[in-house]
Amino acid sequence: MLDVRGLQKVYDGSGRRVEAVRDLTFTVAAGELVCLVGPSGCGKTTLLKCMGGLLTPTGGEVLLEGRKVTGPPPGMAFVFQEYGRSLFPWMRVAENVELPLKQKHLPRERRKELVADALASVGLADAAGAYPWQLSGGMQQRVAIARALAYEPQVLLMDEPFAAVDAQTRADLEDLVRGLWQERGITILFVTHDIDEAVYLGQRVIVLSASPTVVQEQLKVDLPDERDQLHTRVAPRFAELRTHVYEQIQAAKRGVPRGEDPVTRSDTPPPH
């Protein structure tokens, strides 16, 4: 479904050249839920914006079903981290969810059906007439997710969408995303800085290196498909996986090359 090939992004400005992403190559299969983690500042958001057609790569390419992404593709939706800035405060919840559907030129009745279905899916059927500022942070992010669902995307890109909510709300939203993914079969690429969240949500975790970014490791999450906050997070295999991902991120920060053991490798630099 998604194919990232040799992606590079360089920012030039004020006499400085910053290579945010050096050489990223990976794929995401149709219907897969993949989480992307890495050290702070490694270019996760830059990567996602390139994949969503919001930034033009300096090199390489992103393919959606074999077609090169040169702008926001019609089969893709984006959920941003800052829900407060992605919702229009002067529009009611239903109007916010309906807005992107207008560019699809759908009949009004069909738009209403999609909005109602999306809001019901995220547990906000009764909030259609409210304004975003009347809702809690978690509910506002549910509105943002509903807006993406109503668009009926093939691919959903999520950029640290739960970073700004409290722990209890975050757990509820994680379960919401997994439930929607299982029900609707959407391909999801979920960027997070939270290692536990990545292991809990994903079928696979892609670990990025420090900037300039390459893929440090790709890890299959061999946990049961049915997961819950109480039992999955205390399972021995969950602890093993999250420890492994943590070690890889620490190795990425230290610049340990891909394929080397981050624990046994000596940090003493080789002689010149």
C-alpha atoms as a PDB file:
ATOM      1  CA  MET A   1       0.000   0.000   0.000  1.00  0.00           C
ATOM      2  CA  LEU A   2       2.779   2.438   0.975  1.00  0.00           C
ATOM      3  CA  ASP A   3       6.290   2.272  -0.429  1.00  0.00           C
ATOM      4  CA  VAL A   4       8.998   4.661   0.800  1.00  0.00           C
ATOM      5  CA  ARG A   5      12.139   4.525  -1.364  1.00  0.00           C
ATOM      6  CA  GLY A   6      15.379   6.292  -0.487  1.00  0.00           C
ATOM      7  CA  LEU A   7      13.528   9.257   0.995  1.00  0.00           C
ATOM      8  CA  GLN A   8      15.675  12.295   1.793  1.00  0.00           C
ATOM      9  CA  LYS A   9      14.670  15.721   3.071  1.00  0.00           C
ATOM     10  CA  VAL A  10      17.073  18.644   3.366  1.00  0.00           C
ATOM     11  CA  TYR A  11      16.086  22.062   4.692  1.00  0.00           C
ATOM     12  CA  ASP A  12      17.989  25.065   3.307  1.00  0.00           C
ATOM     13  CA  GLY A  13      17.579  28.440   4.930  1.00  0.00           C
ATOM     14  CA  SER A  14      19.447  31.310   6.564  1.00  0.00           C
ATOM     15  CA  GLY A  15      22.699  29.989   5.164  1.00  0.00           C
ATOM     16  CA  ARG A  16      22.248  26.606   6.888  1.00  0.00           C
ATOM     17  CA  ARG A  17      21.709  23.214   5.337  1.00  0.00           C
ATOM     18  CA  VAL A  18      20.006  20.706   7.631  1.00  0.00           C
ATOM     19  CA  GLU A  19      19.600  17.112   6.489  1.00  0.00           C
ATOM     20  CA  ALA A  20      16.555  15.949   8.438  1.00  0.00           C
ATOM     21  CA  VAL A  21      16.048  12.620   6.671  1.00  0.00           C
ATOM     22  CA  ARG A  22      18.934  10.924   4.863  1.00  0.00           C
ATOM     23  CA  ASP A  23      17.839   7.628   3.322  1.00  0.00           C
ATOM     24  CA  LEU A  24      14.590   6.014   4.420  1.00  0.00           C
ATOM     25  CA  THR A  25      13.300   2.876   2.755  1.00  0.00           C
ATOM     26  CA  PHE A  26      10.432   0.715   4.034  1.00  0.00           C
ATOM     27  CA  THR A  27       6.987  -0.534   3.034  1.00  0.00           C
ATOM     28  CA  VAL A  28       3.582  -0.772   4.710  1.00  0.00           C
ATOM     29  CA  ALA A  29       1.227  -3.518   3.534  1.00  0.00           C
ATOM     30  CA  ALA A  30      -2.477  -2.983   2.912  1.00  0.00           C
ATOM     31  CA  GLY A  31      -4.434  -3.255   6.171  1.00  0.00           C
ATOM     32  CA  GLU A  32      -1.296  -3.152   8.335  1.00  0.00           C
ATOM     33  CA  LEU A  33      -0.915  -1.066  11.504  1.00  0.00           C
ATOM     34  CA  VAL A  34       2.705   0.067  11.761  1.00  0.00           C
ATOM     35  CA  CYS A  35       4.158   2.261  14.507  1.00  0.00           C
ATOM     36  CA  LEU A  36       7.160   4.476  13.940  1.00  0.00           C
ATOM     37  CA  VAL A  37       9.449   5.493  16.821  1.00  0.00           C
ATOM     38  CA  GLY A  38      12.854   7.093  17.149  1.00  0.00           C
ATOM     39  CA  PRO A  39      14.949   9.555  19.143  1.00  0.00           C
ATOM     40  CA  SER A  40      13.539  13.043  19.666  1.00  0.00           C
ATOM     41  CA  GLY A  41      14.223  15.260  16.667  1.00  0.00           C
ATOM     42  CA  CYS A  42      14.967  12.371  14.303  1.00  0.00           C
ATOM     43  CA  GLY A  43      12.557  13.590  11.623  1.00  0.00           C
ATOM     44  CA  LYS A  44       9.411  11.523  12.307  1.00  0.00           C
ATOM     45  CA  THR A  45       7.044  14.392  11.525  1.00  0.00           C
ATOM     46  CA  THR A  46       9.077  15.420   8.471  1.00  0.00           C
ATOM     47  CA  LEU A  47       8.797  11.864   7.168  1.00  0.00           C
ATOM     48  CA  LEU A  48       5.043  11.766   7.738  1.00  0.00           C
ATOM     49  CA  LYS A  49       4.521  15.107   5.984  1.00  0.00           C
ATOM     50  CA  CYS A  50       6.515  13.876   2.988  1.00  0.00           C
ATOM     51  CA  MET A  51       4.413  10.720   2.912  1.00  0.00           C
ATOM     52  CA  GLY A  52       1.211  12.756   3.105  1.00  0.00           C
ATOM     53  CA  GLY A  53       2.236  15.034   0.258  1.00  0.00           C
ATOM     54  CA  LEU A  54       2.532  18.065   2.550  1.00  0.00           C
ATOM     55  CA  LEU A  55       6.301  18.391   1.979  1.00  0.00           C
ATOM     56  CA  THR A  56       8.292  17.733  -1.187  1.00  0.00           C
ATOM     57  CA  PRO A  57      11.183  15.303  -0.597  1.00  0.00           C
ATOM     58  CA  THR A  58      14.678  16.396  -1.617  1.00  0.00           C
ATOM     59  CA  GLY A  59      15.367  12.888  -2.892  1.00  0.00           C
ATOM     60  CA  GLY A  60      13.670   9.518  -3.190  1.00  0.00           C
ATOM     61  CA  GLU A  61       9.940   8.988  -3.468  1.00  0.00           C
ATOM     62  CA  VAL A  62       6.775   7.806  -1.749  1.00  0.00           C
ATOM     63  CA  LEU A  63       4.365   5.525  -3.609  1.00  0.00           C
ATOM     64  CA  LEU A  64       0.718   4.920  -2.685  1.00  0.00           C
ATOM     65  CA  GLU A  65      -0.556   1.786  -4.443  1.00  0.00           C
ATOM     66  CA  GLY A  66       2.245   2.182  -6.978  1.00  0.00           C
ATOM     67  CA  ARG A  67       1.505   5.843  -7.739  1.00  0.00           C
ATOM     68  CA  LYS A  68       3.997   8.523  -6.774  1.00  0.00           C
ATOM     69  CA  VAL A  69       2.815  10.949  -4.101  1.00  0.00           C
ATOM     70  CA  THR A  70       3.299  14.516  -5.369  1.00  0.00           C
ATOM     71  CA  GLY A  71       0.628  16.190  -3.225  1.00  0.00           C
ATOM     72  CA  PRO A  72      -2.024  15.147  -0.694  1.00  0.00           C
ATOM     73  CA  PRO A  73      -3.487  11.982  -2.299  1.00  0.00           C
ATOM     74  CA  PRO A  74      -7.257  11.429  -2.266  1.00  0.00           C
ATOM     75  CA  GLY A  75      -6.958   8.037  -0.540  1.00  0.00           C
ATOM     76  CA  MET A  76      -5.105   9.334   2.511  1.00  0.00           C
ATOM     77  CA  ALA A  77      -6.110  11.156   5.699  1.00  0.00           C
ATOM     78  CA  PHE A  78      -3.924  12.803   8.353  1.00  0.00           C
ATOM     79  CA  VAL A  79      -4.521  13.136  12.105  1.00  0.00           C
ATOM     80  CA  PHE A  80      -2.291  15.777  13.647  1.00  0.00           C
ATOM     81  CA  GLN A  81      -0.897  16.007  17.165  1.00  0.00           C
ATOM     82  CA  GLU A  82      -2.397  19.412  17.952  1.00  0.00           C
ATOM     83  CA  TYR A  83      -6.124  18.762  17.766  1.00  0.00           C
ATOM     84  CA  GLY A  84      -6.838  22.279  19.066  1.00  0.00           C
ATOM     85  CA  ARG A  85      -5.283  23.776  15.941  1.00  0.00           C
ATOM     86  CA  SER A  86      -6.708  21.272  13.464  1.00  0.00           C
ATOM     87  CA  LEU A  87     -10.363  21.893  14.396  1.00  0.00           C
ATOM     88  CA  PHE A  88     -12.156  25.130  13.529  1.00  0.00           C
ATOM     89  CA  PRO A  89     -13.553  26.556  16.798  1.00  0.00           C
ATOM     90  CA  TRP A  90     -16.359  28.493  15.058  1.00  0.00           C
ATOM     91  CA  MET A  91     -17.710  25.308  13.435  1.00  0.00           C
ATOM     92  CA  ARG A  92     -19.781  22.745  15.268  1.00  0.00           C
ATOM     93  CA  VAL A  93     -18.439  19.202  15.590  1.00  0.00           C
ATOM     94  CA  ALA A  94     -20.515  17.843  12.698  1.00  0.00           C
ATOM     95  CA  GLU A  95     -19.412  20.717  10.463  1.00  0.00           C
ATOM     96  CA  ASN A  96     -15.747  20.059  11.278  1.00  0.00           C
ATOM     97  CA  VAL A  97     -16.150  16.387  10.381  1.00  0.00           C
ATOM     98  CA  GLU A  98     -18.065  17.193   7.191  1.00  0.00           C
ATOM     99  CA  LEU A  99     -15.657  19.836   5.876  1.00  0.00           C
ATOM    100  CA  PRO A 100     -13.227  17.621   3.870  1.00  0.00           C
ATOM    101  CA  LEU A 101     -16.165  15.730   2.359  1.00  0.00           C
ATOM    102  CA  LYS A 102     -17.255  18.836   0.476  1.00  0.00           C
ATOM    103  CA  GLN A 103     -14.277  18.607  -1.864  1.00  0.00           C
ATOM    104  CA  LYS A 104     -15.436  15.103  -2.803  1.00  0.00           C
ATOM    105  CA  HIS A 105     -18.641  16.669  -4.169  1.00  0.00           C
ATOM    106  CA  LEU A 106     -20.799  14.095  -2.398  1.00  0.00           C
ATOM    107  CA  PRO A 107     -24.562  14.631  -2.093  1.00  0.00           C
ATOM    108  CA  ARG A 108     -25.606  16.310   1.134  1.00  0.00           C
ATOM    109  CA  GLU A 109     -27.449  13.235   2.413  1.00  0.00           C
ATOM    110  CA  ARG A 110     -24.405  11.028   1.843  1.00  0.00           C
ATOM    111  CA  ARG A 111     -22.209  13.518   3.709  1.00  0.00           C
ATOM    112  CA  LYS A 112     -24.631  13.463   6.644  1.00  0.00           C
ATOM    113  CA  GLU A 113     -24.548   9.650   6.702  1.00  0.00           C
ATOM    114  CA  LEU A 114     -20.746   9.555   6.739  1.00  0.00           C
ATOM    115  CA  VAL A 115     -20.543  12.195   9.492  1.00  0.00           C
ATOM    116  CA  ALA A 116     -23.091  10.399  11.674  1.00  0.00           C
ATOM    117  CA  ASP A 117     -21.349   7.041  11.182  1.00  0.00           C
ATOM    118  CA  ALA A 118     -17.906   8.482  11.977  1.00  0.00           C
ATOM    119  CA  LEU A 119     -19.076  10.271  15.124  1.00  0.00           C
ATOM    120  CA  ALA A 120     -20.872   7.138  16.330  1.00  0.00           C
ATOM    121  CA  SER A 121     -17.697   5.114  15.719  1.00  0.00           C
ATOM    122  CA  VAL A 122     -15.691   7.338  18.078  1.00  0.00           C
ATOM    123  CA  GLY A 123     -18.456   7.561  20.695  1.00  0.00           C
ATOM    124  CA  LEU A 124     -19.505  11.136  19.962  1.00  0.00           C
ATOM    125  CA  ALA A 125     -22.928  10.678  18.360  1.00  0.00           C
ATOM    126  CA  ASP A 126     -24.455  13.093  20.896  1.00  0.00           C
ATOM    127  CA  ALA A 127     -21.821  15.798  20.398  1.00  0.00           C
ATOM    128  CA  ALA A 128     -22.586  16.692  16.770  1.00  0.00           C
ATOM    129  CA  GLY A 129     -24.073  20.070  17.689  1.00  0.00           C
ATOM    130  CA  ALA A 130     -21.354  21.115  20.150  1.00  0.00           C
ATOM    131  CA  TYR A 131     -18.396  23.369  19.421  1.00  0.00           C
ATOM    132  CA  PRO A 132     -14.861  21.941  19.838  1.00  0.00           C
ATOM    133  CA  TRP A 133     -14.078  24.333  22.691  1.00  0.00           C
ATOM    134  CA  GLN A 134     -16.965  22.827  24.663  1.00  0.00           C
ATOM    135  CA  LEU A 135     -15.291  19.404  24.628  1.00  0.00           C
ATOM    136  CA  SER A 136     -12.381  17.916  26.558  1.00  0.00           C
ATOM    137  CA  GLY A 137      -9.027  17.394  24.872  1.00  0.00           C
ATOM    138  CA  GLY A 138      -9.657  13.693  24.416  1.00  0.00           C
ATOM    139  CA  MET A 139     -13.063  14.351  22.866  1.00  0.00           C
ATOM    140  CA  GLN A 140     -11.567  16.936  20.510  1.00  0.00           C
ATOM    141  CA  GLN A 141      -9.040  14.374  19.292  1.00  0.00           C
ATOM    142  CA  ARG A 142     -11.905  11.936  18.757  1.00  0.00           C
ATOM    143  CA  VAL A 143     -13.495  14.573  16.530  1.00  0.00           C
ATOM    144  CA  ALA A 144     -10.253  14.815  14.547  1.00  0.00           C
ATOM    145  CA  ILE A 145     -10.217  11.013  14.173  1.00  0.00           C
ATOM    146  CA  ALA A 146     -13.893  11.031  13.143  1.00  0.00           C
ATOM    147  CA  ARG A 147     -13.130  13.626  10.461  1.00  0.00           C
ATOM    148  CA  ALA A 148     -10.441  11.341   9.063  1.00  0.00           C
ATOM    149  CA  LEU A 149     -12.751   8.291   9.172  1.00  0.00           C
ATOM    150  CA  ALA A 150     -15.594  10.111   7.421  1.00  0.00           C
ATOM    151  CA  TYR A 151     -13.255  10.752   4.508  1.00  0.00           C
ATOM    152  CA  GLU A 152     -13.130   6.949   3.999  1.00  0.00           C
ATOM    153  CA  PRO A 153      -9.353   6.795   3.531  1.00  0.00           C
ATOM    154  CA  GLN A 154      -7.341   3.781   2.466  1.00  0.00           C
ATOM    155  CA  VAL A 155      -4.412   5.049   4.530  1.00  0.00           C
ATOM    156  CA  LEU A 156      -4.452   6.935   7.826  1.00  0.00           C
ATOM    157  CA  LEU A 157      -1.320   8.818   8.925  1.00  0.00           C
ATOM    158  CA  MET A 158      -1.266   9.724  12.632  1.00  0.00           C
ATOM    159  CA  ASP A 159       1.378  12.085  13.997  1.00  0.00           C
ATOM    160  CA  GLU A 160       1.728  11.585  17.780  1.00  0.00           C
ATOM    161  CA  PRO A 161      -2.042  12.107  18.090  1.00  0.00           C
ATOM    162  CA  PHE A 162      -2.251  11.317  21.823  1.00  0.00           C
ATOM    163  CA  ALA A 163       0.789  13.253  23.053  1.00  0.00           C
ATOM    164  CA  ALA A 164      -1.267  16.100  24.506  1.00  0.00           C
ATOM    165  CA  VAL A 165      -3.857  14.084  26.490  1.00  0.00           C
ATOM    166  CA  ASP A 166      -3.708  12.536  29.966  1.00  0.00           C
ATOM    167  CA  ALA A 167      -2.708   8.910  30.535  1.00  0.00           C
ATOM    168  CA  GLN A 168      -6.230   7.557  31.075  1.00  0.00           C
ATOM    169  CA  THR A 169      -7.575   9.288  27.966  1.00  0.00           C
ATOM    170  CA  ARG A 170      -4.556   8.092  26.029  1.00  0.00           C
ATOM    171  CA  ALA A 171      -5.287   4.473  26.925  1.00  0.00           C
ATOM    172  CA  ASP A 172      -8.910   4.874  25.807  1.00  0.00           C
ATOM    173  CA  LEU A 173      -7.830   6.422  22.500  1.00  0.00           C
ATOM    174  CA  GLU A 174      -5.275   3.669  21.870  1.00  0.00           C
ATOM    175  CA  ASP A 175      -8.021   1.068  22.227  1.00  0.00           C
ATOM    176  CA  LEU A 176     -10.266   3.167  19.995  1.00  0.00           C
ATOM    177  CA  VAL A 177      -7.665   3.207  17.213  1.00  0.00           C
ATOM    178  CA  ARG A 178      -7.058  -0.542  17.402  1.00  0.00           C
ATOM    179  CA  GLY A 179     -10.799  -1.181  17.375  1.00  0.00           C
ATOM    180  CA  LEU A 180     -11.396   1.061  14.358  1.00  0.00           C
ATOM    181  CA  TRP A 181      -8.437  -0.505  12.540  1.00  0.00           C
ATOM    182  CA  GLN A 182      -9.827  -4.001  13.091  1.00  0.00           C
ATOM    183  CA  GLU A 183     -13.368  -3.001  12.086  1.00  0.00           C
ATOM    184  CA  ARG A 184     -12.520  -0.971   8.995  1.00  0.00           C
ATOM    185  CA  GLY A 185      -9.311  -2.537   7.722  1.00  0.00           C
ATOM    186  CA  ILE A 186      -7.609   0.829   7.193  1.00  0.00           C
ATOM    187  CA  THR A 187      -3.837   0.909   6.678  1.00  0.00           C
ATOM    188  CA  ILE A 188      -2.388   2.959   9.551  1.00  0.00           C
ATOM    189  CA  LEU A 189       1.069   4.462  10.013  1.00  0.00           C
ATOM    190  CA  PHE A 190       1.223   5.748  13.588  1.00  0.00           C
ATOM    191  CA  VAL A 191       4.100   7.974  14.701  1.00  0.00           C
ATOM    192  CA  THR A 192       4.746   8.127  18.440  1.00  0.00           C
ATOM    193  CA  HIS A 193       7.559   8.896  20.879  1.00  0.00           C
ATOM    194  CA  ASP A 194       6.017   6.489  23.420  1.00  0.00           C
ATOM    195  CA  ILE A 195       7.657   3.044  23.203  1.00  0.00           C
ATOM    196  CA  ASP A 196       4.931   1.271  25.195  1.00  0.00           C
ATOM    197  CA  GLU A 197       2.285   2.779  22.925  1.00  0.00           C
ATOM    198  CA  ALA A 198       4.137   1.617  19.811  1.00  0.00           C
ATOM    199  CA  VAL A 199       4.387  -1.970  21.069  1.00  0.00           C
ATOM    200  CA  TYR A 200       0.787  -2.013  22.311  1.00  0.00           C
ATOM    201  CA  LEU A 201      -0.703  -0.687  19.076  1.00  0.00           C
ATOM    202  CA  GLY A 202       1.434  -1.994  16.261  1.00  0.00           C
ATOM    203  CA  GLN A 203       1.754  -5.188  14.285  1.00  0.00           C
ATOM    204  CA  ARG A 204       5.232  -3.944  13.481  1.00  0.00           C
ATOM    205  CA  VAL A 205       7.501  -1.237  14.922  1.00  0.00           C
ATOM    206  CA  ILE A 206       9.940   0.687  12.733  1.00  0.00           C
ATOM    207  CA  VAL A 207      12.761   2.211  14.780  1.00  0.00           C
ATOM    208  CA  LEU A 208      14.451   5.246  13.239  1.00  0.00           C
ATOM    209  CA  SER A 209      18.020   6.342  13.859  1.00  0.00           C
ATOM    210  CA  ALA A 210      19.080   9.746  15.116  1.00  0.00           C
ATOM    211  CA  SER A 211      19.121  12.543  12.545  1.00  0.00           C
ATOM    212  CA  PRO A 212      19.990  12.405   9.673  1.00  0.00           C
ATOM    213  CA  THR A 213      17.554   9.549   9.734  1.00  0.00           C
ATOM    214  CA  VAL A 214      17.688   6.017   8.390  1.00  0.00           C
ATOM    215  CA  VAL A 215      15.800   2.881   9.487  1.00  0.00           C
ATOM    216  CA  GLN A 216      17.570   1.457  12.558  1.00  0.00           C
ATOM    217  CA  GLU A 217      15.430  -1.693  12.811  1.00  0.00           C
ATOM    218  CA  GLN A 218      12.058  -3.185  11.869  1.00  0.00           C
ATOM    219  CA  LEU A 219      10.497  -5.352  14.578  1.00  0.00           C
ATOM    220  CA  LYS A 220       7.501  -7.683  14.249  1.00  0.00           C
ATOM    221  CA  VAL A 221       5.223  -7.420  17.297  1.00  0.00           C
ATOM    222  CA  ASP A 222       4.206 -11.008  17.967  1.00  0.00           C
ATOM    223  CA  LEU A 223       1.538 -10.242  20.565  1.00  0.00           C
ATOM    224  CA  PRO A 224      -2.033 -11.589  20.238  1.00  0.00           C
ATOM    225  CA  ASP A 225      -4.366  -9.575  18.012  1.00  0.00           C
ATOM    226  CA  GLU A 226      -6.773  -9.156  20.924  1.00  0.00           C
ATOM    227  CA  ARG A 227      -5.083  -6.747  23.321  1.00  0.00           C
ATOM    228  CA  ASP A 228      -6.227  -4.836  26.395  1.00  0.00           C
ATOM    229  CA  GLN A 229      -4.629  -2.344  28.709  1.00  0.00           C
ATOM    230  CA  LEU A 230      -4.818  -4.548  31.814  1.00  0.00           C
ATOM    231  CA  HIS A 231      -3.365  -7.824  30.556  1.00  0.00           C
ATOM    232  CA  THR A 232      -1.269  -7.048  27.475  1.00  0.00           C
ATOM    233  CA  ARG A 233       0.959  -4.504  29.202  1.00  0.00           C
ATOM    234  CA  VAL A 234       1.910  -6.903  32.024  1.00  0.00           C
ATOM    235  CA  ALA A 235       2.619  -9.864  29.718  1.00  0.00           C
ATOM    236  CA  PRO A 236       6.269 -11.022  29.725  1.00  0.00           C
ATOM    237  CA  ARG A 237       6.480 -10.787  25.928  1.00  0.00           C
ATOM    238  CA  PHE A 238       5.286  -7.169  26.028  1.00  0.00           C
ATOM    239  CA  ALA A 239       8.096  -6.333  28.461  1.00  0.00           C
ATOM    240  CA  GLU A 240      10.649  -8.088  26.229  1.00  0.00           C
ATOM    241  CA  LEU A 241       9.514  -6.195  23.137  1.00  0.00           C
ATOM    242  CA  ARG A 242       9.413  -2.768  24.768  1.00  0.00           C
ATOM    243  CA  THR A 243      12.861  -3.373  26.296  1.00  0.00           C
ATOM    244  CA  HIS A 244      14.246  -4.327  22.888  1.00  0.00           C
ATOM    245  CA  VAL A 245      12.792  -1.211  21.240  1.00  0.00           C
ATOM    246  CA  TYR A 246      14.147   0.953  24.066  1.00  0.00           C
ATOM    247  CA  GLU A 247      17.623  -0.545  23.587  1.00  0.00           C
ATOM    248  CA  GLN A 248      17.460   0.157  19.868  1.00  0.00           C
ATOM    249  CA  ILE A 249      16.488   3.792  20.424  1.00  0.00           C
ATOM    250  CA  GLN A 250      19.319   4.245  22.915  1.00  0.00           C
ATOM    251  CA  ALA A 251      21.664   2.652  20.381  1.00  0.00           C
ATOM    252  CA  ALA A 252      20.364   5.039  17.731  1.00  0.00           C
ATOM    253  CA  LYS A 253      21.151   7.996  19.998  1.00  0.00           C
ATOM    254  CA  ARG A 254      24.716   6.721  20.437  1.00  0.00           C
ATOM    255  CA  GLY A 255      25.122   6.122  16.725  1.00  0.00           C
ATOM    256  CA  VAL A 256      25.443   2.326  16.888  1.00  0.00           C
ATOM    257  CA  PRO A 257      25.249   1.062  13.287  1.00  0.00           C
ATOM    258  CA  ARG A 258      22.328  -1.060  12.172  1.00  0.00           C
ATOM    259  CA  GLY A 259      22.716  -4.757  12.840  1.00  0.00           C
ATOM    260  CA  GLU A 260      25.122  -4.357  15.776  1.00  0.00           C
ATOM    261  CA  ASP A 261      24.141  -5.443  19.261  1.00  0.00           C
ATOM    262  CA  PRO A 262      23.340  -2.240  21.199  1.00  0.00           C
ATOM    263  CA  VAL A 263      24.107  -3.908  24.528  1.00  0.00           C
ATOM    264  CA  THR A 264      27.342  -5.821  23.889  1.00  0.00           C
ATOM    265  CA  ARG A 265      28.999  -3.272  21.614  1.00  0.00           C
ATOM    266  CA  SER A 266      31.634  -1.181  23.346  1.00  0.00           C
ATOM    267  CA  ASP A 267      31.107   2.568  23.265  1.00  0.00           C
ATOM    268  CA  THR A 268      34.868   3.115  23.095  1.00  0.00           C
ATOM    269  CA  PRO A 269      35.635   4.729  19.750  1.00  0.00           C
ATOM    270  CA  PRO A 270      37.974   2.783  17.462  1.00  0.00           C
ATOM    271  CA  PRO A 271      41.556   4.059  17.129  1.00  0.00           C
ATOM    272  CA  HIS A 272      42.267   6.367  14.179  1.00  0.00           C
END
